[in-house]
Amino acid sequence: MVIDGIWSYSPDSGYAEGQELTGYTVAATDGTIGHVDRQADHFGMRHLVVDTGVWVFGRSALVPVGVVTGVDTEGRKISLSCTRGEVKAAPRFRTDSETMDAAYLTSVGDYYHRLPPRETTTT
């Protein structure tokens, strides 16, 4: 089941349709989590795969685009509405094949959808 909104950029996020975000720095509300390794849209579930680098060594995170609060093209930075801990606690991303697994994507969407709403700030 696709949860409305969690898989779509909000209109005020600053994202332009078709914009390439690979390489952009990704920041949670309380600090940087990594950079965009790739973006995907399988089953209508748009998401970013974020390489967390040394923060969570050897692990990437899958983030639905509905938690993106700002895209700063000039600064090449994406801001999220969640904390580093919330990203880390999300259903673990293990392999690239999971981006094609509708059940896994649904579990990720359910997790992010249940997070408490926050004041949104843009970059």
PDB file of N, CA and C in Angstrom:
ATOM      1  N   MET A   1       0.834  -1.183   0.000  1.00  0.00           N
ATOM      2  CA  MET A   1       0.000   0.000   0.000  1.00  0.00           C
ATOM      3  C   MET A   1       0.879   1.247   0.000  1.00  0.00           C
ATOM      4  N   VAL A   2       0.690   2.115  -0.945  1.00  0.00           N
ATOM      5  CA  VAL A   2       1.448   3.362  -1.024  1.00  0.00           C
ATOM      6  C   VAL A   2       0.774   4.402  -0.134  1.00  0.00           C
ATOM      7  N   ILE A   3       1.550   5.020   0.760  1.00  0.00           N
ATOM      8  CA  ILE A   3       1.018   6.047   1.645  1.00  0.00           C
ATOM      9  C   ILE A   3       1.157   7.385   0.945  1.00  0.00           C
ATOM     10  N   ASP A   4       0.035   8.064   0.786  1.00  0.00           N
ATOM     11  CA  ASP A   4       0.048   9.358   0.100  1.00  0.00           C
ATOM     12  C   ASP A   4       1.034  10.307   0.766  1.00  0.00           C
ATOM     13  N   GLY A   5       1.788  11.002  -0.049  1.00  0.00           N
ATOM     14  CA  GLY A   5       2.671  12.052   0.455  1.00  0.00           C
ATOM     15  C   GLY A   5       4.073  11.608   0.802  1.00  0.00           C
ATOM     16  N   ILE A   6       4.245  10.441   1.378  1.00  0.00           N
ATOM     17  CA  ILE A   6       5.583  10.040   1.827  1.00  0.00           C
ATOM     18  C   ILE A   6       6.501   9.758   0.631  1.00  0.00           C
ATOM     19  N   TRP A   7       5.918   9.456  -0.519  1.00  0.00           N
ATOM     20  CA  TRP A   7       6.710   9.124  -1.707  1.00  0.00           C
ATOM     21  C   TRP A   7       6.744  10.260  -2.727  1.00  0.00           C
ATOM     22  N   SER A   8       6.299  11.448  -2.337  1.00  0.00           N
ATOM     23  CA  SER A   8       6.288  12.598  -3.244  1.00  0.00           C
ATOM     24  C   SER A   8       6.969  13.791  -2.583  1.00  0.00           C
ATOM     25  N   TYR A   9       7.696  14.557  -3.389  1.00  0.00           N
ATOM     26  CA  TYR A   9       8.285  15.796  -2.886  1.00  0.00           C
ATOM     27  C   TYR A   9       7.170  16.779  -2.577  1.00  0.00           C
ATOM     28  N   SER A  10       7.276  17.486  -1.466  1.00  0.00           N
ATOM     29  CA  SER A  10       6.278  18.517  -1.181  1.00  0.00           C
ATOM     30  C   SER A  10       6.505  19.663  -2.173  1.00  0.00           C
ATOM     31  N   PRO A  11       5.439  20.346  -2.550  1.00  0.00           N
ATOM     32  CA  PRO A  11       5.567  21.423  -3.537  1.00  0.00           C
ATOM     33  C   PRO A  11       6.525  22.539  -3.107  1.00  0.00           C
ATOM     34  N   ASP A  12       6.683  22.741  -1.800  1.00  0.00           N
ATOM     35  CA  ASP A  12       7.560  23.813  -1.319  1.00  0.00           C
ATOM     36  C   ASP A  12       8.967  23.341  -0.953  1.00  0.00           C
ATOM     37  N   SER A  13       9.332  22.122  -1.379  1.00  0.00           N
ATOM     38  CA  SER A  13      10.654  21.566  -1.041  1.00  0.00           C
ATOM     39  C   SER A  13      11.794  22.181  -1.867  1.00  0.00           C
ATOM     40  N   GLY A  14      11.456  22.768  -2.991  1.00  0.00           N
ATOM     41  CA  GLY A  14      12.496  23.309  -3.863  1.00  0.00           C
ATOM     42  C   GLY A  14      12.968  22.315  -4.905  1.00  0.00           C
ATOM     43  N   TYR A  15      12.386  21.117  -4.909  1.00  0.00           N
ATOM     44  CA  TYR A  15      12.756  20.115  -5.906  1.00  0.00           C
ATOM     45  C   TYR A  15      12.100  20.454  -7.235  1.00  0.00           C
ATOM     46  N   ALA A  16      12.886  20.397  -8.312  1.00  0.00           N
ATOM     47  CA  ALA A  16      12.371  20.602  -9.666  1.00  0.00           C
ATOM     48  C   ALA A  16      12.289  19.243 -10.349  1.00  0.00           C
ATOM     49  N   GLU A  17      11.149  18.939 -10.924  1.00  0.00           N
ATOM     50  CA  GLU A  17      10.944  17.644 -11.571  1.00  0.00           C
ATOM     51  C   GLU A  17      12.091  17.322 -12.517  1.00  0.00           C
ATOM     52  N   GLY A  18      12.634  16.114 -12.377  1.00  0.00           N
ATOM     53  CA  GLY A  18      13.737  15.667 -13.219  1.00  0.00           C
ATOM     54  C   GLY A  18      15.106  16.085 -12.716  1.00  0.00           C
ATOM     55  N   GLN A  19      15.151  16.822 -11.619  1.00  0.00           N
ATOM     56  CA  GLN A  19      16.420  17.311 -11.068  1.00  0.00           C
ATOM     57  C   GLN A  19      17.285  16.137 -10.598  1.00  0.00           C
ATOM     58  N   GLU A  20      18.550  16.163 -10.956  1.00  0.00           N
ATOM     59  CA  GLU A  20      19.515  15.134 -10.562  1.00  0.00           C
ATOM     60  C   GLU A  20      20.109  15.520  -9.208  1.00  0.00           C
ATOM     61  N   LEU A  21      19.911  14.669  -8.206  1.00  0.00           N
ATOM     62  CA  LEU A  21      20.363  14.966  -6.846  1.00  0.00           C
ATOM     63  C   LEU A  21      21.561  14.122  -6.409  1.00  0.00           C
ATOM     64  N   THR A  22      22.045  13.245  -7.269  1.00  0.00           N
ATOM     65  CA  THR A  22      23.189  12.404  -6.917  1.00  0.00           C
ATOM     66  C   THR A  22      24.368  13.278  -6.501  1.00  0.00           C
ATOM     67  N   GLY A  23      24.956  12.937  -5.356  1.00  0.00           N
ATOM     68  CA  GLY A  23      26.094  13.681  -4.842  1.00  0.00           C
ATOM     69  C   GLY A  23      25.733  14.772  -3.856  1.00  0.00           C
ATOM     70  N   TYR A  24      24.462  15.160  -3.785  1.00  0.00           N
ATOM     71  CA  TYR A  24      24.037  16.183  -2.837  1.00  0.00           C
ATOM     72  C   TYR A  24      24.247  15.682  -1.404  1.00  0.00           C
ATOM     73  N   THR A  25      24.649  16.576  -0.515  1.00  0.00           N
ATOM     74  CA  THR A  25      24.760  16.274   0.905  1.00  0.00           C
ATOM     75  C   THR A  25      23.352  16.181   1.473  1.00  0.00           C
ATOM     76  N   VAL A  26      23.133  15.226   2.395  1.00  0.00           N
ATOM     77  CA  VAL A  26      21.824  15.051   3.013  1.00  0.00           C
ATOM     78  C   VAL A  26      21.946  15.350   4.500  1.00  0.00           C
ATOM     79  N   ALA A  27      21.104  16.269   4.986  1.00  0.00           N
ATOM     80  CA  ALA A  27      21.145  16.680   6.388  1.00  0.00           C
ATOM     81  C   ALA A  27      19.810  16.418   7.063  1.00  0.00           C
ATOM     82  N   ALA A  28      19.873  15.725   8.200  1.00  0.00           N
ATOM     83  CA  ALA A  28      18.707  15.561   9.064  1.00  0.00           C
ATOM     84  C   ALA A  28      18.566  16.847   9.872  1.00  0.00           C
ATOM     85  N   THR A  29      17.574  16.909  10.743  1.00  0.00           N
ATOM     86  CA  THR A  29      17.356  18.121  11.536  1.00  0.00           C
ATOM     87  C   THR A  29      18.502  18.377  12.512  1.00  0.00           C
ATOM     88  N   ASP A  30      19.275  17.334  12.828  1.00  0.00           N
ATOM     89  CA  ASP A  30      20.343  17.474  13.821  1.00  0.00           C
ATOM     90  C   ASP A  30      21.735  17.149  13.283  1.00  0.00           C
ATOM     91  N   GLY A  31      21.901  17.194  11.970  1.00  0.00           N
ATOM     92  CA  GLY A  31      23.232  16.993  11.405  1.00  0.00           C
ATOM     93  C   GLY A  31      23.235  16.211  10.110  1.00  0.00           C
ATOM     94  N   THR A  32      24.385  16.194   9.480  1.00  0.00           N
ATOM     95  CA  THR A  32      24.564  15.528   8.192  1.00  0.00           C
ATOM     96  C   THR A  32      24.528  14.014   8.358  1.00  0.00           C
ATOM     97  N   ILE A  33      23.891  13.334   7.392  1.00  0.00           N
ATOM     98  CA  ILE A  33      23.868  11.873   7.427  1.00  0.00           C
ATOM     99  C   ILE A  33      24.646  11.241   6.281  1.00  0.00           C
ATOM    100  N   GLY A  34      24.964  12.004   5.243  1.00  0.00           N
ATOM    101  CA  GLY A  34      25.704  11.446   4.119  1.00  0.00           C
ATOM    102  C   GLY A  34      25.424  12.197   2.836  1.00  0.00           C
ATOM    103  N   HIS A  35      25.486  11.459   1.714  1.00  0.00           N
ATOM    104  CA  HIS A  35      25.205  12.071   0.414  1.00  0.00           C
ATOM    105  C   HIS A  35      24.351  11.125  -0.423  1.00  0.00           C
ATOM    106  N   VAL A  36      23.640  11.694  -1.380  1.00  0.00           N
ATOM    107  CA  VAL A  36      22.768  10.892  -2.244  1.00  0.00           C
ATOM    108  C   VAL A  36      23.622  10.040  -3.168  1.00  0.00           C
ATOM    109  N   ASP A  37      23.451   8.739  -3.051  1.00  0.00           N
ATOM    110  CA  ASP A  37      24.134   7.792  -3.930  1.00  0.00           C
ATOM    111  C   ASP A  37      23.341   7.634  -5.224  1.00  0.00           C
ATOM    112  N   ARG A  38      22.016   7.582  -5.076  1.00  0.00           N
ATOM    113  CA  ARG A  38      21.137   7.489  -6.255  1.00  0.00           C
ATOM    114  C   ARG A  38      19.701   7.797  -5.833  1.00  0.00           C
ATOM    115  N   GLN A  39      18.889   8.087  -6.830  1.00  0.00           N
ATOM    116  CA  GLN A  39      17.473   8.319  -6.614  1.00  0.00           C
ATOM    117  C   GLN A  39      16.701   7.331  -7.470  1.00  0.00           C
ATOM    118  N   ALA A  40      15.533   6.907  -6.981  1.00  0.00           N
ATOM    119  CA  ALA A  40      14.764   5.894  -7.697  1.00  0.00           C
ATOM    120  C   ALA A  40      13.275   6.145  -7.526  1.00  0.00           C
ATOM    121  N   ASP A  41      12.484   5.508  -8.394  1.00  0.00           N
ATOM    122  CA  ASP A  41      11.029   5.636  -8.353  1.00  0.00           C
ATOM    123  C   ASP A  41      10.437   4.311  -8.805  1.00  0.00           C
ATOM    124  N   HIS A  42      10.499   3.308  -7.922  1.00  0.00           N
ATOM    125  CA  HIS A  42       9.927   2.003  -8.235  1.00  0.00           C
ATOM    126  C   HIS A  42       8.541   1.906  -7.606  1.00  0.00           C
ATOM    127  N   PHE A  43       7.577   1.407  -8.362  1.00  0.00           N
ATOM    128  CA  PHE A  43       6.204   1.222  -7.889  1.00  0.00           C
ATOM    129  C   PHE A  43       5.567   2.546  -7.461  1.00  0.00           C
ATOM    130  N   GLY A  44       6.034   3.673  -8.000  1.00  0.00           N
ATOM    131  CA  GLY A  44       5.514   4.965  -7.597  1.00  0.00           C
ATOM    132  C   GLY A  44       6.017   5.402  -6.227  1.00  0.00           C
ATOM    133  N   MET A  45       7.055   4.724  -5.723  1.00  0.00           N
ATOM    134  CA  MET A  45       7.609   5.017  -4.406  1.00  0.00           C
ATOM    135  C   MET A  45       8.966   5.700  -4.593  1.00  0.00           C
ATOM    136  N   ARG A  46       8.931   7.022  -4.754  1.00  0.00           N
ATOM    137  CA  ARG A  46      10.164   7.789  -4.984  1.00  0.00           C
ATOM    138  C   ARG A  46      10.986   7.843  -3.706  1.00  0.00           C
ATOM    139  N   HIS A  47      12.280   7.593  -3.881  1.00  0.00           N
ATOM    140  CA  HIS A  47      13.150   7.592  -2.707  1.00  0.00           C
ATOM    141  C   HIS A  47      14.586   7.906  -3.092  1.00  0.00           C
ATOM    142  N   LEU A  48      15.372   8.215  -2.067  1.00  0.00           N
ATOM    143  CA  LEU A  48      16.800   8.458  -2.220  1.00  0.00           C
ATOM    144  C   LEU A  48      17.542   7.356  -1.478  1.00  0.00           C
ATOM    145  N   VAL A  49      18.612   6.862  -2.072  1.00  0.00           N
ATOM    146  CA  VAL A  49      19.515   5.964  -1.363  1.00  0.00           C
ATOM    147  C   VAL A  49      20.688   6.836  -0.939  1.00  0.00           C
ATOM    148  N   VAL A  50      20.878   6.925   0.379  1.00  0.00           N
ATOM    149  CA  VAL A  50      21.880   7.812   0.957  1.00  0.00           C
ATOM    150  C   VAL A  50      23.054   6.990   1.462  1.00  0.00           C
ATOM    151  N   ASP A  51      24.248   7.291   0.954  1.00  0.00           N
ATOM    152  CA  ASP A  51      25.484   6.676   1.435  1.00  0.00           C
ATOM    153  C   ASP A  51      25.842   7.400   2.729  1.00  0.00           C
ATOM    154  N   THR A  52      25.823   6.676   3.842  1.00  0.00           N
ATOM    155  CA  THR A  52      26.068   7.307   5.141  1.00  0.00           C
ATOM    156  C   THR A  52      27.548   7.419   5.479  1.00  0.00           C
ATOM    157  N   GLY A  53      28.412   6.880   4.627  1.00  0.00           N
ATOM    158  CA  GLY A  53      29.856   7.021   4.845  1.00  0.00           C
ATOM    159  C   GLY A  53      30.286   6.536   6.216  1.00  0.00           C
ATOM    160  N   VAL A  54      31.053   7.338   6.921  1.00  0.00           N
ATOM    161  CA  VAL A  54      31.589   6.923   8.218  1.00  0.00           C
ATOM    162  C   VAL A  54      30.568   7.043   9.350  1.00  0.00           C
ATOM    163  N   TRP A  55      29.463   7.765   9.124  1.00  0.00           N
ATOM    164  CA  TRP A  55      28.472   7.920  10.187  1.00  0.00           C
ATOM    165  C   TRP A  55      27.917   6.557  10.602  1.00  0.00           C
ATOM    166  N   VAL A  56      27.439   5.756   9.650  1.00  0.00           N
ATOM    167  CA  VAL A  56      27.019   4.379   9.903  1.00  0.00           C
ATOM    168  C   VAL A  56      27.832   3.548   8.928  1.00  0.00           C
ATOM    169  N   PHE A  57      29.055   3.260   9.284  1.00  0.00           N
ATOM    170  CA  PHE A  57      30.043   2.660   8.390  1.00  0.00           C
ATOM    171  C   PHE A  57      29.485   1.474   7.617  1.00  0.00           C
ATOM    172  N   GLY A  58      29.681   1.527   6.301  1.00  0.00           N
ATOM    173  CA  GLY A  58      29.309   0.421   5.425  1.00  0.00           C
ATOM    174  C   GLY A  58      27.823   0.269   5.211  1.00  0.00           C
ATOM    175  N   ARG A  59      27.058   1.275   5.536  1.00  0.00           N
ATOM    176  CA  ARG A  59      25.619   1.146   5.421  1.00  0.00           C
ATOM    177  C   ARG A  59      25.031   2.341   4.672  1.00  0.00           C
ATOM    178  N   SER A  60      24.052   2.048   3.862  1.00  0.00           N
ATOM    179  CA  SER A  60      23.290   3.099   3.203  1.00  0.00           C
ATOM    180  C   SER A  60      21.910   3.151   3.843  1.00  0.00           C
ATOM    181  N   ALA A  61      21.195   4.224   3.598  1.00  0.00           N
ATOM    182  CA  ALA A  61      19.834   4.380   4.109  1.00  0.00           C
ATOM    183  C   ALA A  61      18.913   4.728   2.954  1.00  0.00           C
ATOM    184  N   LEU A  62      17.717   4.184   2.984  1.00  0.00           N
ATOM    185  CA  LEU A  62      16.715   4.507   1.980  1.00  0.00           C
ATOM    186  C   LEU A  62      15.750   5.507   2.610  1.00  0.00           C
ATOM    187  N   VAL A  63      15.583   6.655   1.956  1.00  0.00           N
ATOM    188  CA  VAL A  63      14.770   7.743   2.503  1.00  0.00           C
ATOM    189  C   VAL A  63      13.687   8.119   1.500  1.00  0.00           C
ATOM    190  N   PRO A  64      12.403   8.001   1.883  1.00  0.00           N
ATOM    191  CA  PRO A  64      11.328   8.453   0.991  1.00  0.00           C
ATOM    192  C   PRO A  64      11.425   9.960   0.778  1.00  0.00           C
ATOM    193  N   VAL A  65      11.129  10.414  -0.423  1.00  0.00           N
ATOM    194  CA  VAL A  65      11.284  11.839  -0.728  1.00  0.00           C
ATOM    195  C   VAL A  65      10.273  12.729  -0.007  1.00  0.00           C
ATOM    196  N   GLY A  66       9.246  12.149   0.584  1.00  0.00           N
ATOM    197  CA  GLY A  66       8.264  12.932   1.324  1.00  0.00           C
ATOM    198  C   GLY A  66       8.817  13.563   2.586  1.00  0.00           C
ATOM    199  N   VAL A  67       9.994  13.121   3.052  1.00  0.00           N
ATOM    200  CA  VAL A  67      10.615  13.729   4.239  1.00  0.00           C
ATOM    201  C   VAL A  67      11.619  14.814   3.855  1.00  0.00           C
ATOM    202  N   VAL A  68      11.765  15.074   2.549  1.00  0.00           N
ATOM    203  CA  VAL A  68      12.637  16.157   2.089  1.00  0.00           C
ATOM    204  C   VAL A  68      11.916  17.480   2.306  1.00  0.00           C
ATOM    205  N   THR A  69      12.554  18.371   3.068  1.00  0.00           N
ATOM    206  CA  THR A  69      11.950  19.677   3.338  1.00  0.00           C
ATOM    207  C   THR A  69      12.593  20.787   2.519  1.00  0.00           C
ATOM    208  N   GLY A  70      13.780  20.525   1.979  1.00  0.00           N
ATOM    209  CA  GLY A  70      14.435  21.557   1.198  1.00  0.00           C
ATOM    210  C   GLY A  70      15.511  21.000   0.293  1.00  0.00           C
ATOM    211  N   VAL A  71      15.587  21.550  -0.906  1.00  0.00           N
ATOM    212  CA  VAL A  71      16.640  21.222  -1.861  1.00  0.00           C
ATOM    213  C   VAL A  71      17.349  22.521  -2.202  1.00  0.00           C
ATOM    214  N   ASP A  72      18.593  22.622  -1.782  1.00  0.00           N
ATOM    215  CA  ASP A  72      19.414  23.809  -2.040  1.00  0.00           C
ATOM    216  C   ASP A  72      20.324  23.482  -3.216  1.00  0.00           C
ATOM    217  N   THR A  73      19.933  23.918  -4.405  1.00  0.00           N
ATOM    218  CA  THR A  73      20.692  23.616  -5.620  1.00  0.00           C
ATOM    219  C   THR A  73      22.069  24.248  -5.584  1.00  0.00           C
ATOM    220  N   GLU A  74      22.160  25.480  -5.154  1.00  0.00           N
ATOM    221  CA  GLU A  74      23.445  26.170  -5.115  1.00  0.00           C
ATOM    222  C   GLU A  74      24.414  25.505  -4.125  1.00  0.00           C
ATOM    223  N   GLY A  75      23.913  25.153  -2.958  1.00  0.00           N
ATOM    224  CA  GLY A  75      24.749  24.523  -1.941  1.00  0.00           C
ATOM    225  C   GLY A  75      24.830  23.009  -2.066  1.00  0.00           C
ATOM    226  N   ARG A  76      24.077  22.432  -3.039  1.00  0.00           N
ATOM    227  CA  ARG A  76      24.032  20.986  -3.262  1.00  0.00           C
ATOM    228  C   ARG A  76      23.739  20.242  -1.952  1.00  0.00           C
ATOM    229  N   LYS A  77      22.639  20.661  -1.299  1.00  0.00           N
ATOM    230  CA  LYS A  77      22.266  20.106  -0.002  1.00  0.00           C
ATOM    231  C   LYS A  77      20.773  19.831   0.048  1.00  0.00           C
ATOM    232  N   ILE A  78      20.423  18.701   0.671  1.00  0.00           N
ATOM    233  CA  ILE A  78      19.033  18.310   0.874  1.00  0.00           C
ATOM    234  C   ILE A  78      18.782  18.269   2.374  1.00  0.00           C
ATOM    235  N   SER A  79      17.696  18.888   2.812  1.00  0.00           N
ATOM    236  CA  SER A  79      17.316  18.872   4.222  1.00  0.00           C
ATOM    237  C   SER A  79      16.132  17.929   4.413  1.00  0.00           C
ATOM    238  N   LEU A  80      16.149  17.189   5.525  1.00  0.00           N
ATOM    239  CA  LEU A  80      15.079  16.250   5.864  1.00  0.00           C
ATOM    240  C   LEU A  80      14.316  16.734   7.088  1.00  0.00           C
ATOM    241  N   SER A  81      13.118  16.222   7.274  1.00  0.00           N
ATOM    242  CA  SER A  81      12.288  16.588   8.421  1.00  0.00           C
ATOM    243  C   SER A  81      12.513  15.681   9.618  1.00  0.00           C
ATOM    244  N   CYS A  82      13.417  14.726   9.514  1.00  0.00           N
ATOM    245  CA  CYS A  82      13.646  13.765  10.593  1.00  0.00           C
ATOM    246  C   CYS A  82      15.060  13.904  11.152  1.00  0.00           C
ATOM    247  N   THR A  83      15.288  13.254  12.288  1.00  0.00           N
ATOM    248  CA  THR A  83      16.595  13.310  12.935  1.00  0.00           C
ATOM    249  C   THR A  83      17.501  12.202  12.421  1.00  0.00           C
ATOM    250  N   ARG A  84      18.773  12.316  12.759  1.00  0.00           N
ATOM    251  CA  ARG A  84      19.745  11.268  12.412  1.00  0.00           C
ATOM    252  C   ARG A  84      19.332   9.937  13.035  1.00  0.00           C
ATOM    253  N   GLY A  85      18.910   9.972  14.290  1.00  0.00           N
ATOM    254  CA  GLY A  85      18.489   8.756  14.980  1.00  0.00           C
ATOM    255  C   GLY A  85      17.295   8.096  14.315  1.00  0.00           C
ATOM    256  N   GLU A  86      16.363   8.913  13.825  1.00  0.00           N
ATOM    257  CA  GLU A  86      15.193   8.360  13.139  1.00  0.00           C
ATOM    258  C   GLU A  86      15.581   7.706  11.823  1.00  0.00           C
ATOM    259  N   VAL A  87      16.511   8.299  11.104  1.00  0.00           N
ATOM    260  CA  VAL A  87      16.991   7.689   9.856  1.00  0.00           C
ATOM    261  C   VAL A  87      17.696   6.369  10.179  1.00  0.00           C
ATOM    262  N   LYS A  88      18.514   6.378  11.204  1.00  0.00           N
ATOM    263  CA  LYS A  88      19.264   5.183  11.594  1.00  0.00           C
ATOM    264  C   LYS A  88      18.337   4.055  12.056  1.00  0.00           C
ATOM    265  N   ALA A  89      17.206   4.406  12.679  1.00  0.00           N
ATOM    266  CA  ALA A  89      16.266   3.414  13.203  1.00  0.00           C
ATOM    267  C   ALA A  89      15.289   2.879  12.154  1.00  0.00           C
ATOM    268  N   ALA A  90      15.295   3.443  10.967  1.00  0.00           N
ATOM    269  CA  ALA A  90      14.397   2.995   9.892  1.00  0.00           C
ATOM    270  C   ALA A  90      14.717   1.553   9.509  1.00  0.00           C
ATOM    271  N   PRO A  91      13.765   0.859   8.864  1.00  0.00           N
ATOM    272  CA  PRO A  91      14.058  -0.502   8.398  1.00  0.00           C
ATOM    273  C   PRO A  91      15.374  -0.526   7.622  1.00  0.00           C
ATOM    274  N   ARG A  92      16.252  -1.420   8.014  1.00  0.00           N
ATOM    275  CA  ARG A  92      17.617  -1.441   7.487  1.00  0.00           C
ATOM    276  C   ARG A  92      17.669  -1.743   5.995  1.00  0.00           C
ATOM    277  N   PHE A  93      18.446  -0.938   5.291  1.00  0.00           N
ATOM    278  CA  PHE A  93      18.686  -1.127   3.859  1.00  0.00           C
ATOM    279  C   PHE A  93      19.929  -1.992   3.715  1.00  0.00           C
ATOM    280  N   ARG A  94      19.792  -3.158   3.088  1.00  0.00           N
ATOM    281  CA  ARG A  94      20.919  -4.083   2.983  1.00  0.00           C
ATOM    282  C   ARG A  94      21.463  -4.226   1.568  1.00  0.00           C
ATOM    283  N   THR A  95      20.551  -4.336   0.596  1.00  0.00           N
ATOM    284  CA  THR A  95      20.991  -4.594  -0.771  1.00  0.00           C
ATOM    285  C   THR A  95      20.208  -3.749  -1.767  1.00  0.00           C
ATOM    286  N   ASP A  96      20.810  -3.528  -2.920  1.00  0.00           N
ATOM    287  CA  ASP A  96      20.153  -2.755  -3.974  1.00  0.00           C
ATOM    288  C   ASP A  96      18.850  -3.391  -4.432  1.00  0.00           C
ATOM    289  N   SER A  97      18.728  -4.713  -4.312  1.00  0.00           N
ATOM    290  CA  SER A  97      17.499  -5.371  -4.764  1.00  0.00           C
ATOM    291  C   SER A  97      16.298  -4.932  -3.934  1.00  0.00           C
ATOM    292  N   GLU A  98      16.536  -4.403  -2.729  1.00  0.00           N
ATOM    293  CA  GLU A  98      15.422  -3.953  -1.893  1.00  0.00           C
ATOM    294  C   GLU A  98      14.709  -2.746  -2.489  1.00  0.00           C
ATOM    295  N   THR A  99      15.392  -1.977  -3.334  1.00  0.00           N
ATOM    296  CA  THR A  99      14.715  -0.840  -3.963  1.00  0.00           C
ATOM    297  C   THR A  99      13.661  -1.327  -4.959  1.00  0.00           C
ATOM    298  N   MET A 100      13.711  -2.606  -5.305  1.00  0.00           N
ATOM    299  CA  MET A 100      12.724  -3.206  -6.207  1.00  0.00           C
ATOM    300  C   MET A 100      11.730  -4.086  -5.446  1.00  0.00           C
ATOM    301  N   ASP A 101      11.808  -4.106  -4.126  1.00  0.00           N
ATOM    302  CA  ASP A 101      10.958  -4.945  -3.285  1.00  0.00           C
ATOM    303  C   ASP A 101       9.829  -4.084  -2.706  1.00  0.00           C
ATOM    304  N   ALA A 102       8.627  -4.246  -3.253  1.00  0.00           N
ATOM    305  CA  ALA A 102       7.498  -3.414  -2.831  1.00  0.00           C
ATOM    306  C   ALA A 102       7.202  -3.569  -1.341  1.00  0.00           C
ATOM    307  N   ALA A 103       7.348  -4.772  -0.793  1.00  0.00           N
ATOM    308  CA  ALA A 103       7.072  -4.992   0.634  1.00  0.00           C
ATOM    309  C   ALA A 103       8.074  -4.224   1.495  1.00  0.00           C
ATOM    310  N   TYR A 104       9.349  -4.250   1.120  1.00  0.00           N
ATOM    311  CA  TYR A 104      10.358  -3.501   1.878  1.00  0.00           C
ATOM    312  C   TYR A 104      10.082  -2.000   1.790  1.00  0.00           C
ATOM    313  N   LEU A 105       9.819  -1.504   0.589  1.00  0.00           N
ATOM    314  CA  LEU A 105       9.537  -0.084   0.417  1.00  0.00           C
ATOM    315  C   LEU A 105       8.314   0.331   1.230  1.00  0.00           C
ATOM    316  N   THR A 106       7.293  -0.519   1.267  1.00  0.00           N
ATOM    317  CA  THR A 106       6.099  -0.225   2.059  1.00  0.00           C
ATOM    318  C   THR A 106       6.442  -0.136   3.536  1.00  0.00           C
ATOM    319  N   SER A 107       7.297  -1.038   4.024  1.00  0.00           N
ATOM    320  CA  SER A 107       7.679  -0.991   5.444  1.00  0.00           C
ATOM    321  C   SER A 107       8.446   0.296   5.756  1.00  0.00           C
ATOM    322  N   VAL A 108       9.293   0.733   4.835  1.00  0.00           N
ATOM    323  CA  VAL A 108      10.027   1.996   5.026  1.00  0.00           C
ATOM    324  C   VAL A 108       9.047   3.167   5.038  1.00  0.00           C
ATOM    325  N   GLY A 109       8.125   3.188   4.092  1.00  0.00           N
ATOM    326  CA  GLY A 109       7.129   4.249   4.030  1.00  0.00           C
ATOM    327  C   GLY A 109       6.265   4.297   5.280  1.00  0.00           C
ATOM    328  N   ASP A 110       5.851   3.124   5.769  1.00  0.00           N
ATOM    329  CA  ASP A 110       5.052   3.059   6.999  1.00  0.00           C
ATOM    330  C   ASP A 110       5.829   3.648   8.172  1.00  0.00           C
ATOM    331  N   TYR A 111       7.115   3.300   8.274  1.00  0.00           N
ATOM    332  CA  TYR A 111       7.954   3.800   9.363  1.00  0.00           C
ATOM    333  C   TYR A 111       8.033   5.331   9.327  1.00  0.00           C
ATOM    334  N   TYR A 112       8.389   5.898   8.181  1.00  0.00           N
ATOM    335  CA  TYR A 112       8.537   7.354   8.083  1.00  0.00           C
ATOM    336  C   TYR A 112       7.195   8.068   8.252  1.00  0.00           C
ATOM    337  N   HIS A 113       6.135   7.452   7.789  1.00  0.00           N
ATOM    338  CA  HIS A 113       4.809   8.063   7.919  1.00  0.00           C
ATOM    339  C   HIS A 113       4.399   8.181   9.392  1.00  0.00           C
ATOM    340  N   ARG A 114       4.851   7.264  10.226  1.00  0.00           N
ATOM    341  CA  ARG A 114       4.491   7.271  11.653  1.00  0.00           C
ATOM    342  C   ARG A 114       5.341   8.230  12.488  1.00  0.00           C
ATOM    343  N   LEU A 115       6.400   8.791  11.923  1.00  0.00           N
ATOM    344  CA  LEU A 115       7.238   9.723  12.689  1.00  0.00           C
ATOM    345  C   LEU A 115       6.425  10.959  13.070  1.00  0.00           C
ATOM    346  N   PRO A 116       6.715  11.528  14.242  1.00  0.00           N
ATOM    347  CA  PRO A 116       5.973  12.733  14.640  1.00  0.00           C
ATOM    348  C   PRO A 116       6.265  13.904  13.705  1.00  0.00           C
ATOM    349  N   PRO A 117       5.244  14.698  13.409  1.00  0.00           N
ATOM    350  CA  PRO A 117       5.469  15.871  12.550  1.00  0.00           C
ATOM    351  C   PRO A 117       6.362  16.895  13.257  1.00  0.00           C
ATOM    352  N   ARG A 118       7.120  17.619  12.467  1.00  0.00           N
ATOM    353  CA  ARG A 118       8.013  18.647  12.995  1.00  0.00           C
ATOM    354  C   ARG A 118       7.810  19.932  12.232  1.00  0.00           C
ATOM    355  N   GLU A 119       8.294  20.986  12.843  1.00  0.00           N
ATOM    356  CA  GLU A 119       8.382  22.259  12.118  1.00  0.00           C
ATOM    357  C   GLU A 119       9.351  22.038  10.984  1.00  0.00           C
ATOM    358  N   THR A 120       9.000  22.450   9.798  1.00  0.00           N
ATOM    359  CA  THR A 120       9.912  22.270   8.677  1.00  0.00           C
ATOM    360  C   THR A 120      10.702  23.543   8.443  1.00  0.00           C
ATOM    361  N   THR A 121      11.976  23.335   8.138  1.00  0.00           N
ATOM    362  CA  THR A 121      12.831  24.450   7.781  1.00  0.00           C
ATOM    363  C   THR A 121      13.485  24.133   6.462  1.00  0.00           C
ATOM    364  N   THR A 122      13.718  25.130   5.680  1.00  0.00           N
ATOM    365  CA  THR A 122      14.384  24.908   4.398  1.00  0.00           C
ATOM    366  C   THR A 122      15.844  25.278   4.528  1.00  0.00           C
ATOM    367  N   THR A 123      16.632  24.817   3.567  1.00  0.00           N
ATOM    368  CA  THR A 123      18.073  25.053   3.602  1.00  0.00           C
ATOM    369  C   THR A 123      18.416  26.479   3.299  1.00  0.00           C
TER     370      THR A 123
END
